[in-house]
Amino acid sequence: MNKYMSAAGLAGLDQNDYEDLYRIVEKDPDLYIEASYIEGKQYDERLIELTKYIAPHIGITLRGFLDRDDQFIRQLAFPVIKINEPVSKKYKRISPLKNEPAALTRSDFPTLGCSLYSYVQNLYEVSDGEELSSLTNATWKGIGISALSSAGMILLPMGKSENKELRAIEGKRNRLKKEIFNGNDDAYEQLTLTEMQIYTTIDKRVKKNGIYGVISTTLMPRGVEEDMYYCIGLIEEISSSKIPLTEQIVYHFLLSCCGIRFCVSINKDTLIGEPEVGRRFKGIVWMQSRIFA
């Protein structure tokens, strides 16, 4: 996670600098959350999350516990991008990660074509990190998502010469995906044939225009870390934050990507190209989520 501290405008700090920052978070957090405990289960410690915002949209979260002397013992530290509203009310489950007090949430978006896994920012607000109460689960309003990128580049727009035939086929594919998502199993065979049509059309266009002249947006899983994705998204809005501690600039891009809209934050020093609305962002992103209870 330390490499994503740079995406929060904290590049170039050494371990002593981070320790000083963590002490500030512990001493004066903007957000204090104690775990939602499960009735009837015994707990040895009080599980705590502390968050301090170092800029309007950027924070540092510490996750740990209070010992018998009420001293905070830090287990985990990570940057967060503020999420203000849910984008989906559909989710499957929270899956705890092994060997650390953290979890991923899984959500399904019909336009994405796969489940989206994201790192839970506010784990202790809705659970104890391991179990969920039926009451808490029933009162969730949905999840919001954001992302951090340690490096990326700006791509030019695809232009207006997109193949009308391909757009028509992709429209049909999206309709079939929604039917399958809503329980229509008969649409699987039609979807397979549609995918074959798309493959043939794309293969011809790649040979002619190159890969980035064909793919407008994508969000594709990367490697064994389920919350890491290759991302190409259309930039709809741009803002920036200056981190007082380091004087570094962080860009915030509102992206439209595979039918989903979310914010990606990246350090200006690790971005190649000049961002503008209408251009595309390309990079590897760490997906985060906030559960709205």
C-alpha atoms as a PDB file:
ATOM      1  CA  MET A   1       0.000   0.000   0.000  1.00  0.00           C
ATOM      2  CA  ASN A   2       2.929   2.344   0.567  1.00  0.00           C
ATOM      3  CA  LYS A   3       3.342   2.921  -3.169  1.00  0.00           C
ATOM      4  CA  TYR A   4      -0.194   4.320  -3.221  1.00  0.00           C
ATOM      5  CA  MET A   5       0.774   6.892  -0.578  1.00  0.00           C
ATOM      6  CA  SER A   6       2.328   8.766  -3.524  1.00  0.00           C
ATOM      7  CA  ALA A   7      -1.124   8.934  -5.142  1.00  0.00           C
ATOM      8  CA  ALA A   8      -2.239  10.806  -2.013  1.00  0.00           C
ATOM      9  CA  GLY A   9       0.532  13.381  -2.482  1.00  0.00           C
ATOM     10  CA  LEU A  10       2.951  11.778  -0.037  1.00  0.00           C
ATOM     11  CA  ALA A  11       5.713  10.694  -2.418  1.00  0.00           C
ATOM     12  CA  GLY A  12       9.326  10.803  -1.278  1.00  0.00           C
ATOM     13  CA  LEU A  13       8.676  10.460   2.460  1.00  0.00           C
ATOM     14  CA  ASP A  14      10.815   8.112   4.536  1.00  0.00           C
ATOM     15  CA  GLN A  15       9.576   5.862   7.332  1.00  0.00           C
ATOM     16  CA  ASN A  16      10.247   8.492  10.015  1.00  0.00           C
ATOM     17  CA  ASP A  17       8.098  10.985   8.095  1.00  0.00           C
ATOM     18  CA  TYR A  18       5.290   8.448   7.913  1.00  0.00           C
ATOM     19  CA  GLU A  19       5.560   7.725  11.642  1.00  0.00           C
ATOM     20  CA  ASP A  20       5.246  11.458  12.374  1.00  0.00           C
ATOM     21  CA  LEU A  21       2.166  11.607  10.150  1.00  0.00           C
ATOM     22  CA  TYR A  22       0.611   8.578  11.852  1.00  0.00           C
ATOM     23  CA  ARG A  23       1.109  10.181  15.271  1.00  0.00           C
ATOM     24  CA  ILE A  24      -0.791  13.242  14.025  1.00  0.00           C
ATOM     25  CA  VAL A  25      -3.657  10.995  12.878  1.00  0.00           C
ATOM     26  CA  GLU A  26      -3.727   9.208  16.242  1.00  0.00           C
ATOM     27  CA  LYS A  27      -3.653  12.437  18.229  1.00  0.00           C
ATOM     28  CA  ASP A  28      -6.250  14.396  16.243  1.00  0.00           C
ATOM     29  CA  PRO A  29      -8.401  12.202  13.947  1.00  0.00           C
ATOM     30  CA  ASP A  30     -11.244  13.716  11.943  1.00  0.00           C
ATOM     31  CA  LEU A  31     -13.110  10.426  12.057  1.00  0.00           C
ATOM     32  CA  TYR A  32     -13.148   7.867  14.884  1.00  0.00           C
ATOM     33  CA  ILE A  33     -14.886   4.534  14.303  1.00  0.00           C
ATOM     34  CA  GLU A  34     -15.157   1.612  16.712  1.00  0.00           C
ATOM     35  CA  ALA A  35     -16.081  -1.776  15.308  1.00  0.00           C
ATOM     36  CA  SER A  36     -19.697  -2.888  15.077  1.00  0.00           C
ATOM     37  CA  TYR A  37     -19.563  -5.904  17.344  1.00  0.00           C
ATOM     38  CA  ILE A  38     -21.581  -9.059  16.894  1.00  0.00           C
ATOM     39  CA  GLU A  39     -23.892  -9.824  19.803  1.00  0.00           C
ATOM     40  CA  GLY A  40     -22.853 -12.889  21.743  1.00  0.00           C
ATOM     41  CA  LYS A  41     -19.257 -12.942  20.471  1.00  0.00           C
ATOM     42  CA  GLN A  42     -16.340 -12.366  22.838  1.00  0.00           C
ATOM     43  CA  TYR A  43     -13.731  -9.718  21.964  1.00  0.00           C
ATOM     44  CA  ASP A  44     -10.310  -9.243  23.560  1.00  0.00           C
ATOM     45  CA  GLU A  45      -9.702  -5.745  22.182  1.00  0.00           C
ATOM     46  CA  ARG A  46     -11.622  -2.714  20.994  1.00  0.00           C
ATOM     47  CA  LEU A  47     -11.177  -2.493  17.220  1.00  0.00           C
ATOM     48  CA  ILE A  48     -10.635   1.066  15.991  1.00  0.00           C
ATOM     49  CA  GLU A  49     -10.330   3.050  12.734  1.00  0.00           C
ATOM     50  CA  LEU A  50      -8.897   6.578  12.762  1.00  0.00           C
ATOM     51  CA  THR A  51      -8.982   8.879   9.719  1.00  0.00           C
ATOM     52  CA  LYS A  52      -7.343  12.271   9.234  1.00  0.00           C
ATOM     53  CA  TYR A  53      -7.960  14.330   6.078  1.00  0.00           C
ATOM     54  CA  ILE A  54      -4.777  15.929   4.725  1.00  0.00           C
ATOM     55  CA  ALA A  55      -6.747  17.627   1.919  1.00  0.00           C
ATOM     56  CA  PRO A  56     -10.498  18.022   1.233  1.00  0.00           C
ATOM     57  CA  HIS A  57     -10.738  14.717  -0.676  1.00  0.00           C
ATOM     58  CA  ILE A  58      -7.731  12.794   0.684  1.00  0.00           C
ATOM     59  CA  GLY A  59      -7.220  11.102   4.029  1.00  0.00           C
ATOM     60  CA  ILE A  60      -5.001   8.659   5.899  1.00  0.00           C
ATOM     61  CA  THR A  61      -6.701   5.829   7.779  1.00  0.00           C
ATOM     62  CA  LEU A  62      -5.130   3.842  10.600  1.00  0.00           C
ATOM     63  CA  ARG A  63      -6.689   0.550  11.616  1.00  0.00           C
ATOM     64  CA  GLY A  64      -5.824  -1.219  14.859  1.00  0.00           C
ATOM     65  CA  PHE A  65      -7.030  -1.795  18.420  1.00  0.00           C
ATOM     66  CA  LEU A  66      -6.900  -0.404  21.944  1.00  0.00           C
ATOM     67  CA  ASP A  67      -4.885  -2.454  24.434  1.00  0.00           C
ATOM     68  CA  ARG A  68      -5.688  -2.855  28.157  1.00  0.00           C
ATOM     69  CA  ASP A  69      -4.160   0.556  28.879  1.00  0.00           C
ATOM     70  CA  ASP A  70      -6.295   2.186  26.158  1.00  0.00           C
ATOM     71  CA  GLN A  71      -3.238   2.730  23.980  1.00  0.00           C
ATOM     72  CA  PHE A  72      -3.861   2.542  20.236  1.00  0.00           C
ATOM     73  CA  ILE A  73      -1.885  -0.266  18.545  1.00  0.00           C
ATOM     74  CA  ARG A  74      -1.608   0.367  14.809  1.00  0.00           C
ATOM     75  CA  GLN A  75      -1.916  -2.664  12.538  1.00  0.00           C
ATOM     76  CA  LEU A  76      -2.519  -1.001   9.188  1.00  0.00           C
ATOM     77  CA  ALA A  77      -2.179   2.397   7.505  1.00  0.00           C
ATOM     78  CA  PHE A  78      -3.493   3.335   4.055  1.00  0.00           C
ATOM     79  CA  PRO A  79      -4.604   6.391   2.029  1.00  0.00           C
ATOM     80  CA  VAL A  80      -8.280   6.919   1.237  1.00  0.00           C
ATOM     81  CA  ILE A  81     -10.165   9.011  -1.298  1.00  0.00           C
ATOM     82  CA  LYS A  82     -13.369  10.493   0.106  1.00  0.00           C
ATOM     83  CA  ILE A  83     -16.552   8.935  -1.285  1.00  0.00           C
ATOM     84  CA  ASN A  84     -19.728  10.965  -0.897  1.00  0.00           C
ATOM     85  CA  GLU A  85     -22.489   8.812  -2.378  1.00  0.00           C
ATOM     86  CA  PRO A  86     -23.257   5.203  -3.355  1.00  0.00           C
ATOM     87  CA  VAL A  87     -23.096   4.076  -6.983  1.00  0.00           C
ATOM     88  CA  SER A  88     -24.603   0.640  -6.473  1.00  0.00           C
ATOM     89  CA  LYS A  89     -27.137  -0.939  -4.169  1.00  0.00           C
ATOM     90  CA  LYS A  90     -26.232  -4.436  -5.337  1.00  0.00           C
ATOM     91  CA  TYR A  91     -23.428  -6.312  -3.598  1.00  0.00           C
ATOM     92  CA  LYS A  92     -22.655  -9.936  -2.813  1.00  0.00           C
ATOM     93  CA  ARG A  93     -20.560 -10.044   0.319  1.00  0.00           C
ATOM     94  CA  ILE A  94     -17.624  -8.765   2.306  1.00  0.00           C
ATOM     95  CA  SER A  95     -14.633 -11.106   2.192  1.00  0.00           C
ATOM     96  CA  PRO A  96     -12.021 -10.702   4.973  1.00  0.00           C
ATOM     97  CA  LEU A  97      -8.402 -10.789   3.821  1.00  0.00           C
ATOM     98  CA  LYS A  98      -5.988 -13.229   5.389  1.00  0.00           C
ATOM     99  CA  ASN A  99      -3.262 -12.070   7.775  1.00  0.00           C
ATOM    100  CA  GLU A 100      -4.475  -8.470   8.051  1.00  0.00           C
ATOM    101  CA  PRO A 101      -7.494  -6.571   9.436  1.00  0.00           C
ATOM    102  CA  ALA A 102      -8.982  -5.740   6.043  1.00  0.00           C
ATOM    103  CA  ALA A 103     -11.646  -6.918   3.619  1.00  0.00           C
ATOM    104  CA  LEU A 104     -12.882  -6.648   0.046  1.00  0.00           C
ATOM    105  CA  THR A 105     -16.425  -6.056  -1.073  1.00  0.00           C
ATOM    106  CA  ARG A 106     -17.826  -7.601  -4.246  1.00  0.00           C
ATOM    107  CA  SER A 107     -20.349  -5.825  -6.455  1.00  0.00           C
ATOM    108  CA  ASP A 108     -21.884  -6.755  -9.794  1.00  0.00           C
ATOM    109  CA  PHE A 109     -22.413  -4.237 -12.590  1.00  0.00           C
ATOM    110  CA  PRO A 110     -24.211  -5.498 -15.740  1.00  0.00           C
ATOM    111  CA  THR A 111     -22.094  -3.321 -18.054  1.00  0.00           C
ATOM    112  CA  LEU A 112     -18.775  -4.436 -16.575  1.00  0.00           C
ATOM    113  CA  GLY A 113     -18.954  -8.128 -17.415  1.00  0.00           C
ATOM    114  CA  CYS A 114     -17.282  -9.266 -14.178  1.00  0.00           C
ATOM    115  CA  SER A 115     -17.549  -8.764 -10.440  1.00  0.00           C
ATOM    116  CA  LEU A 116     -15.829  -5.658  -9.091  1.00  0.00           C
ATOM    117  CA  TYR A 117     -13.732  -6.191  -5.973  1.00  0.00           C
ATOM    118  CA  SER A 118     -12.730  -3.178  -3.917  1.00  0.00           C
ATOM    119  CA  TYR A 119     -10.906  -2.514  -0.660  1.00  0.00           C
ATOM    120  CA  VAL A 120     -13.293  -1.490   2.138  1.00  0.00           C
ATOM    121  CA  GLN A 121     -12.424   1.898   3.636  1.00  0.00           C
ATOM    122  CA  ASN A 122     -14.851   1.815   6.590  1.00  0.00           C
ATOM    123  CA  LEU A 123     -14.716  -1.854   7.581  1.00  0.00           C
ATOM    124  CA  TYR A 124     -15.303  -1.336  11.291  1.00  0.00           C
ATOM    125  CA  GLU A 125     -18.301   0.891  10.696  1.00  0.00           C
ATOM    126  CA  VAL A 126     -20.296  -2.088   9.417  1.00  0.00           C
ATOM    127  CA  SER A 127     -18.603  -5.134  10.963  1.00  0.00           C
ATOM    128  CA  ASP A 128     -15.879  -6.478  13.212  1.00  0.00           C
ATOM    129  CA  GLY A 129     -13.775  -7.329  10.151  1.00  0.00           C
ATOM    130  CA  GLU A 130     -14.785 -10.979  10.191  1.00  0.00           C
ATOM    131  CA  GLU A 131     -18.521 -11.360  10.707  1.00  0.00           C
ATOM    132  CA  LEU A 132     -21.592  -9.370   9.760  1.00  0.00           C
ATOM    133  CA  SER A 133     -24.772  -9.028  11.748  1.00  0.00           C
ATOM    134  CA  SER A 134     -28.036  -9.580   9.891  1.00  0.00           C
ATOM    135  CA  LEU A 135     -29.245  -6.213  11.197  1.00  0.00           C
ATOM    136  CA  THR A 136     -26.268  -4.303   9.803  1.00  0.00           C
ATOM    137  CA  ASN A 137     -26.505  -6.149   6.491  1.00  0.00           C
ATOM    138  CA  ALA A 138     -30.183  -5.300   6.156  1.00  0.00           C
ATOM    139  CA  THR A 139     -29.676  -1.571   6.674  1.00  0.00           C
ATOM    140  CA  TRP A 140     -26.955  -1.002   4.061  1.00  0.00           C
ATOM    141  CA  LYS A 141     -27.843   1.648   1.498  1.00  0.00           C
ATOM    142  CA  GLY A 142     -25.213   0.552  -1.026  1.00  0.00           C
ATOM    143  CA  ILE A 143     -21.547   1.149  -1.772  1.00  0.00           C
ATOM    144  CA  GLY A 144     -19.558   3.952  -3.348  1.00  0.00           C
ATOM    145  CA  ILE A 145     -16.255   3.411  -5.126  1.00  0.00           C
ATOM    146  CA  SER A 146     -13.093   5.387  -5.850  1.00  0.00           C
ATOM    147  CA  ALA A 147      -9.541   4.533  -6.895  1.00  0.00           C
ATOM    148  CA  LEU A 148      -5.895   5.481  -6.454  1.00  0.00           C
ATOM    149  CA  SER A 149      -3.269   5.201  -9.178  1.00  0.00           C
ATOM    150  CA  SER A 150       0.492   5.169  -8.635  1.00  0.00           C
ATOM    151  CA  ALA A 151       1.224   5.944 -12.310  1.00  0.00           C
ATOM    152  CA  GLY A 152      -0.764   6.698 -15.444  1.00  0.00           C
ATOM    153  CA  MET A 153      -0.971   8.511 -18.751  1.00  0.00           C
ATOM    154  CA  ILE A 154      -3.417  10.564 -20.757  1.00  0.00           C
ATOM    155  CA  LEU A 155      -4.751   9.208 -24.054  1.00  0.00           C
ATOM    156  CA  LEU A 156      -6.418  11.260 -26.763  1.00  0.00           C
ATOM    157  CA  PRO A 157     -10.125  10.696 -27.481  1.00  0.00           C
ATOM    158  CA  MET A 158     -11.031   7.965 -29.939  1.00  0.00           C
ATOM    159  CA  GLY A 159     -12.592  10.463 -32.305  1.00  0.00           C
ATOM    160  CA  LYS A 160     -15.930  10.255 -34.096  1.00  0.00           C
ATOM    161  CA  SER A 161     -15.051   7.568 -36.622  1.00  0.00           C
ATOM    162  CA  GLU A 162     -16.225   4.638 -34.515  1.00  0.00           C
ATOM    163  CA  ASN A 163     -17.658   1.725 -36.438  1.00  0.00           C
ATOM    164  CA  LYS A 164     -21.459   1.939 -36.355  1.00  0.00           C
ATOM    165  CA  GLU A 165     -21.724  -1.810 -36.802  1.00  0.00           C
ATOM    166  CA  LEU A 166     -19.564  -2.409 -33.732  1.00  0.00           C
ATOM    167  CA  ARG A 167     -21.575   0.023 -31.630  1.00  0.00           C
ATOM    168  CA  ALA A 168     -24.787  -1.758 -32.606  1.00  0.00           C
ATOM    169  CA  ILE A 169     -23.339  -5.152 -31.670  1.00  0.00           C
ATOM    170  CA  GLU A 170     -22.013  -3.802 -28.354  1.00  0.00           C
ATOM    171  CA  GLY A 171     -25.436  -2.344 -27.613  1.00  0.00           C
ATOM    172  CA  LYS A 172     -26.953  -5.763 -28.165  1.00  0.00           C
ATOM    173  CA  ARG A 173     -24.318  -7.325 -25.886  1.00  0.00           C
ATOM    174  CA  ASN A 174     -25.123  -4.874 -23.080  1.00  0.00           C
ATOM    175  CA  ARG A 175     -28.823  -5.656 -23.377  1.00  0.00           C
ATOM    176  CA  LEU A 176     -28.119  -9.380 -23.182  1.00  0.00           C
ATOM    177  CA  LYS A 177     -25.872  -8.891 -20.136  1.00  0.00           C
ATOM    178  CA  LYS A 178     -28.682  -7.053 -18.367  1.00  0.00           C
ATOM    179  CA  GLU A 179     -31.083  -9.883 -19.216  1.00  0.00           C
ATOM    180  CA  ILE A 180     -28.660 -12.447 -17.770  1.00  0.00           C
ATOM    181  CA  PHE A 181     -28.105 -10.239 -14.721  1.00  0.00           C
ATOM    182  CA  ASN A 182     -31.891 -10.217 -14.211  1.00  0.00           C
ATOM    183  CA  GLY A 183     -32.120 -14.008 -14.416  1.00  0.00           C
ATOM    184  CA  ASN A 184     -32.741 -14.817 -18.106  1.00  0.00           C
ATOM    185  CA  ASP A 185     -30.519 -17.883 -18.681  1.00  0.00           C
ATOM    186  CA  ASP A 186     -31.694 -18.229 -22.302  1.00  0.00           C
ATOM    187  CA  ALA A 187     -29.682 -15.126 -23.201  1.00  0.00           C
ATOM    188  CA  TYR A 188     -26.346 -16.925 -22.649  1.00  0.00           C
ATOM    189  CA  GLU A 189     -26.322 -18.546 -26.118  1.00  0.00           C
ATOM    190  CA  GLN A 190     -27.178 -15.272 -27.862  1.00  0.00           C
ATOM    191  CA  LEU A 191     -24.458 -13.527 -25.841  1.00  0.00           C
ATOM    192  CA  THR A 192     -21.867 -16.086 -26.978  1.00  0.00           C
ATOM    193  CA  LEU A 193     -22.706 -15.469 -30.636  1.00  0.00           C
ATOM    194  CA  THR A 194     -22.628 -11.714 -30.076  1.00  0.00           C
ATOM    195  CA  GLU A 195     -19.187 -11.956 -28.443  1.00  0.00           C
ATOM    196  CA  MET A 196     -17.900 -13.837 -31.500  1.00  0.00           C
ATOM    197  CA  GLN A 197     -19.207 -11.061 -33.763  1.00  0.00           C
ATOM    198  CA  ILE A 198     -17.495  -8.446 -31.614  1.00  0.00           C
ATOM    199  CA  TYR A 199     -14.207 -10.390 -31.646  1.00  0.00           C
ATOM    200  CA  THR A 200     -14.188 -10.613 -35.434  1.00  0.00           C
ATOM    201  CA  THR A 201     -15.008  -6.913 -35.859  1.00  0.00           C
ATOM    202  CA  ILE A 202     -12.444  -5.788 -33.274  1.00  0.00           C
ATOM    203  CA  ASP A 203      -9.710  -7.979 -34.752  1.00  0.00           C
ATOM    204  CA  LYS A 204     -10.099  -6.205 -38.080  1.00  0.00           C
ATOM    205  CA  ARG A 205     -10.053  -2.754 -36.469  1.00  0.00           C
ATOM    206  CA  VAL A 206      -7.000  -3.473 -34.280  1.00  0.00           C
ATOM    207  CA  LYS A 207      -4.976  -4.375 -37.353  1.00  0.00           C
ATOM    208  CA  LYS A 208      -6.025  -1.096 -38.940  1.00  0.00           C
ATOM    209  CA  ASN A 209      -6.148   1.421 -36.036  1.00  0.00           C
ATOM    210  CA  GLY A 210      -4.196  -0.088 -33.122  1.00  0.00           C
ATOM    211  CA  ILE A 211      -5.522  -1.238 -29.749  1.00  0.00           C
ATOM    212  CA  TYR A 212      -6.268   2.222 -28.289  1.00  0.00           C
ATOM    213  CA  GLY A 213      -8.207   3.143 -31.400  1.00  0.00           C
ATOM    214  CA  VAL A 214     -10.616   0.303 -30.618  1.00  0.00           C
ATOM    215  CA  ILE A 215     -10.944   0.182 -26.828  1.00  0.00           C
ATOM    216  CA  SER A 216     -12.700   3.284 -25.510  1.00  0.00           C
ATOM    217  CA  THR A 217     -12.853   2.228 -21.838  1.00  0.00           C
ATOM    218  CA  THR A 218     -11.959  -0.867 -19.853  1.00  0.00           C
ATOM    219  CA  LEU A 219     -11.692  -2.064 -16.257  1.00  0.00           C
ATOM    220  CA  MET A 220      -9.855  -5.380 -16.275  1.00  0.00           C
ATOM    221  CA  PRO A 221      -8.598  -7.374 -13.258  1.00  0.00           C
ATOM    222  CA  ARG A 222      -4.818  -7.400 -12.858  1.00  0.00           C
ATOM    223  CA  GLY A 223      -2.969 -10.376 -11.368  1.00  0.00           C
ATOM    224  CA  VAL A 224      -3.753 -12.126  -8.099  1.00  0.00           C
ATOM    225  CA  GLU A 225      -4.678  -8.965  -6.168  1.00  0.00           C
ATOM    226  CA  GLU A 226      -8.417  -8.806  -6.735  1.00  0.00           C
ATOM    227  CA  ASP A 227      -8.763  -5.073  -6.044  1.00  0.00           C
ATOM    228  CA  MET A 228      -6.156  -4.058  -8.652  1.00  0.00           C
ATOM    229  CA  TYR A 229      -7.349  -3.247 -12.195  1.00  0.00           C
ATOM    230  CA  TYR A 230      -6.121  -2.044 -15.556  1.00  0.00           C
ATOM    231  CA  CYS A 231      -8.228   1.026 -16.272  1.00  0.00           C
ATOM    232  CA  ILE A 232      -8.977   3.161 -19.310  1.00  0.00           C
ATOM    233  CA  GLY A 233     -11.683   5.708 -18.613  1.00  0.00           C
ATOM    234  CA  LEU A 234     -13.137   8.834 -20.197  1.00  0.00           C
ATOM    235  CA  ILE A 235     -12.408  11.969 -18.148  1.00  0.00           C
ATOM    236  CA  GLU A 236     -15.641  13.820 -17.379  1.00  0.00           C
ATOM    237  CA  GLU A 237     -14.423  16.221 -14.678  1.00  0.00           C
ATOM    238  CA  ILE A 238     -11.016  17.342 -13.355  1.00  0.00           C
ATOM    239  CA  SER A 239     -10.090  18.857 -10.003  1.00  0.00           C
ATOM    240  CA  SER A 240      -6.924  18.985  -7.934  1.00  0.00           C
ATOM    241  CA  SER A 241      -5.692  19.189  -4.344  1.00  0.00           C
ATOM    242  CA  LYS A 242      -2.456  20.607  -2.955  1.00  0.00           C
ATOM    243  CA  ILE A 243      -1.125  18.630   0.001  1.00  0.00           C
ATOM    244  CA  PRO A 244       0.149  21.123   2.623  1.00  0.00           C
ATOM    245  CA  LEU A 245       2.613  18.626   4.105  1.00  0.00           C
ATOM    246  CA  THR A 246       4.531  18.050   0.848  1.00  0.00           C
ATOM    247  CA  GLU A 247       3.317  20.814  -1.529  1.00  0.00           C
ATOM    248  CA  GLN A 248       2.543  18.052  -4.047  1.00  0.00           C
ATOM    249  CA  ILE A 249      -0.434  18.279  -6.427  1.00  0.00           C
ATOM    250  CA  VAL A 250      -2.955  15.452  -6.711  1.00  0.00           C
ATOM    251  CA  TYR A 251      -5.341  15.258  -9.676  1.00  0.00           C
ATOM    252  CA  HIS A 252      -8.855  13.911  -9.213  1.00  0.00           C
ATOM    253  CA  PHE A 253     -10.504  12.593 -12.389  1.00  0.00           C
ATOM    254  CA  LEU A 254     -14.184  11.680 -12.528  1.00  0.00           C
ATOM    255  CA  LEU A 255     -14.116   8.810 -15.001  1.00  0.00           C
ATOM    256  CA  SER A 256     -16.800   7.138 -17.046  1.00  0.00           C
ATOM    257  CA  CYS A 257     -15.624   3.565 -17.435  1.00  0.00           C
ATOM    258  CA  CYS A 258     -17.643   0.574 -18.666  1.00  0.00           C
ATOM    259  CA  GLY A 259     -20.886   2.193 -17.598  1.00  0.00           C
ATOM    260  CA  ILE A 260     -19.590   3.097 -14.107  1.00  0.00           C
ATOM    261  CA  ARG A 261     -18.607   6.561 -12.848  1.00  0.00           C
ATOM    262  CA  PHE A 262     -15.960   6.916 -10.142  1.00  0.00           C
ATOM    263  CA  CYS A 263     -13.090   9.172  -9.087  1.00  0.00           C
ATOM    264  CA  VAL A 264      -9.431   8.274  -9.653  1.00  0.00           C
ATOM    265  CA  SER A 265      -6.722  10.227  -7.834  1.00  0.00           C
ATOM    266  CA  ILE A 266      -3.097  10.385  -8.969  1.00  0.00           C
ATOM    267  CA  ASN A 267      -0.015  12.417  -8.094  1.00  0.00           C
ATOM    268  CA  LYS A 268       0.697  14.994 -10.804  1.00  0.00           C
ATOM    269  CA  ASP A 269       4.368  13.923 -10.857  1.00  0.00           C
ATOM    270  CA  THR A 270       3.468  10.352 -11.863  1.00  0.00           C
ATOM    271  CA  LEU A 271       1.074  11.323 -14.671  1.00  0.00           C
ATOM    272  CA  ILE A 272       2.270  11.458 -18.264  1.00  0.00           C
ATOM    273  CA  GLY A 273       0.403  13.852 -20.540  1.00  0.00           C
ATOM    274  CA  GLU A 274      -1.892  16.841 -20.123  1.00  0.00           C
ATOM    275  CA  PRO A 275      -5.344  15.992 -18.725  1.00  0.00           C
ATOM    276  CA  GLU A 276      -8.408  17.557 -20.305  1.00  0.00           C
ATOM    277  CA  VAL A 277     -12.101  16.767 -20.165  1.00  0.00           C
ATOM    278  CA  GLY A 278     -12.902  14.427 -23.054  1.00  0.00           C
ATOM    279  CA  ARG A 279      -9.509  12.757 -23.049  1.00  0.00           C
ATOM    280  CA  ARG A 280      -8.910   9.331 -21.519  1.00  0.00           C
ATOM    281  CA  PHE A 281      -6.959   8.206 -18.480  1.00  0.00           C
ATOM    282  CA  LYS A 282      -4.960   4.961 -18.615  1.00  0.00           C
ATOM    283  CA  GLY A 283      -3.315   3.344 -15.603  1.00  0.00           C
ATOM    284  CA  ILE A 284      -3.312   0.623 -12.978  1.00  0.00           C
ATOM    285  CA  VAL A 285      -5.725   1.488 -10.160  1.00  0.00           C
ATOM    286  CA  TRP A 286      -6.373   0.270  -6.635  1.00  0.00           C
ATOM    287  CA  MET A 287     -10.138   0.179  -6.165  1.00  0.00           C
ATOM    288  CA  GLN A 288     -11.628   1.254  -2.838  1.00  0.00           C
ATOM    289  CA  SER A 289     -15.180   1.218  -1.540  1.00  0.00           C
ATOM    290  CA  ARG A 290     -17.191   2.811   1.204  1.00  0.00           C
ATOM    291  CA  ILE A 291     -20.229   0.980   2.549  1.00  0.00           C
ATOM    292  CA  PHE A 292     -23.150   3.281   3.300  1.00  0.00           C
ATOM    293  CA  ALA A 293     -24.963   1.931   6.329  1.00  0.00           C
END
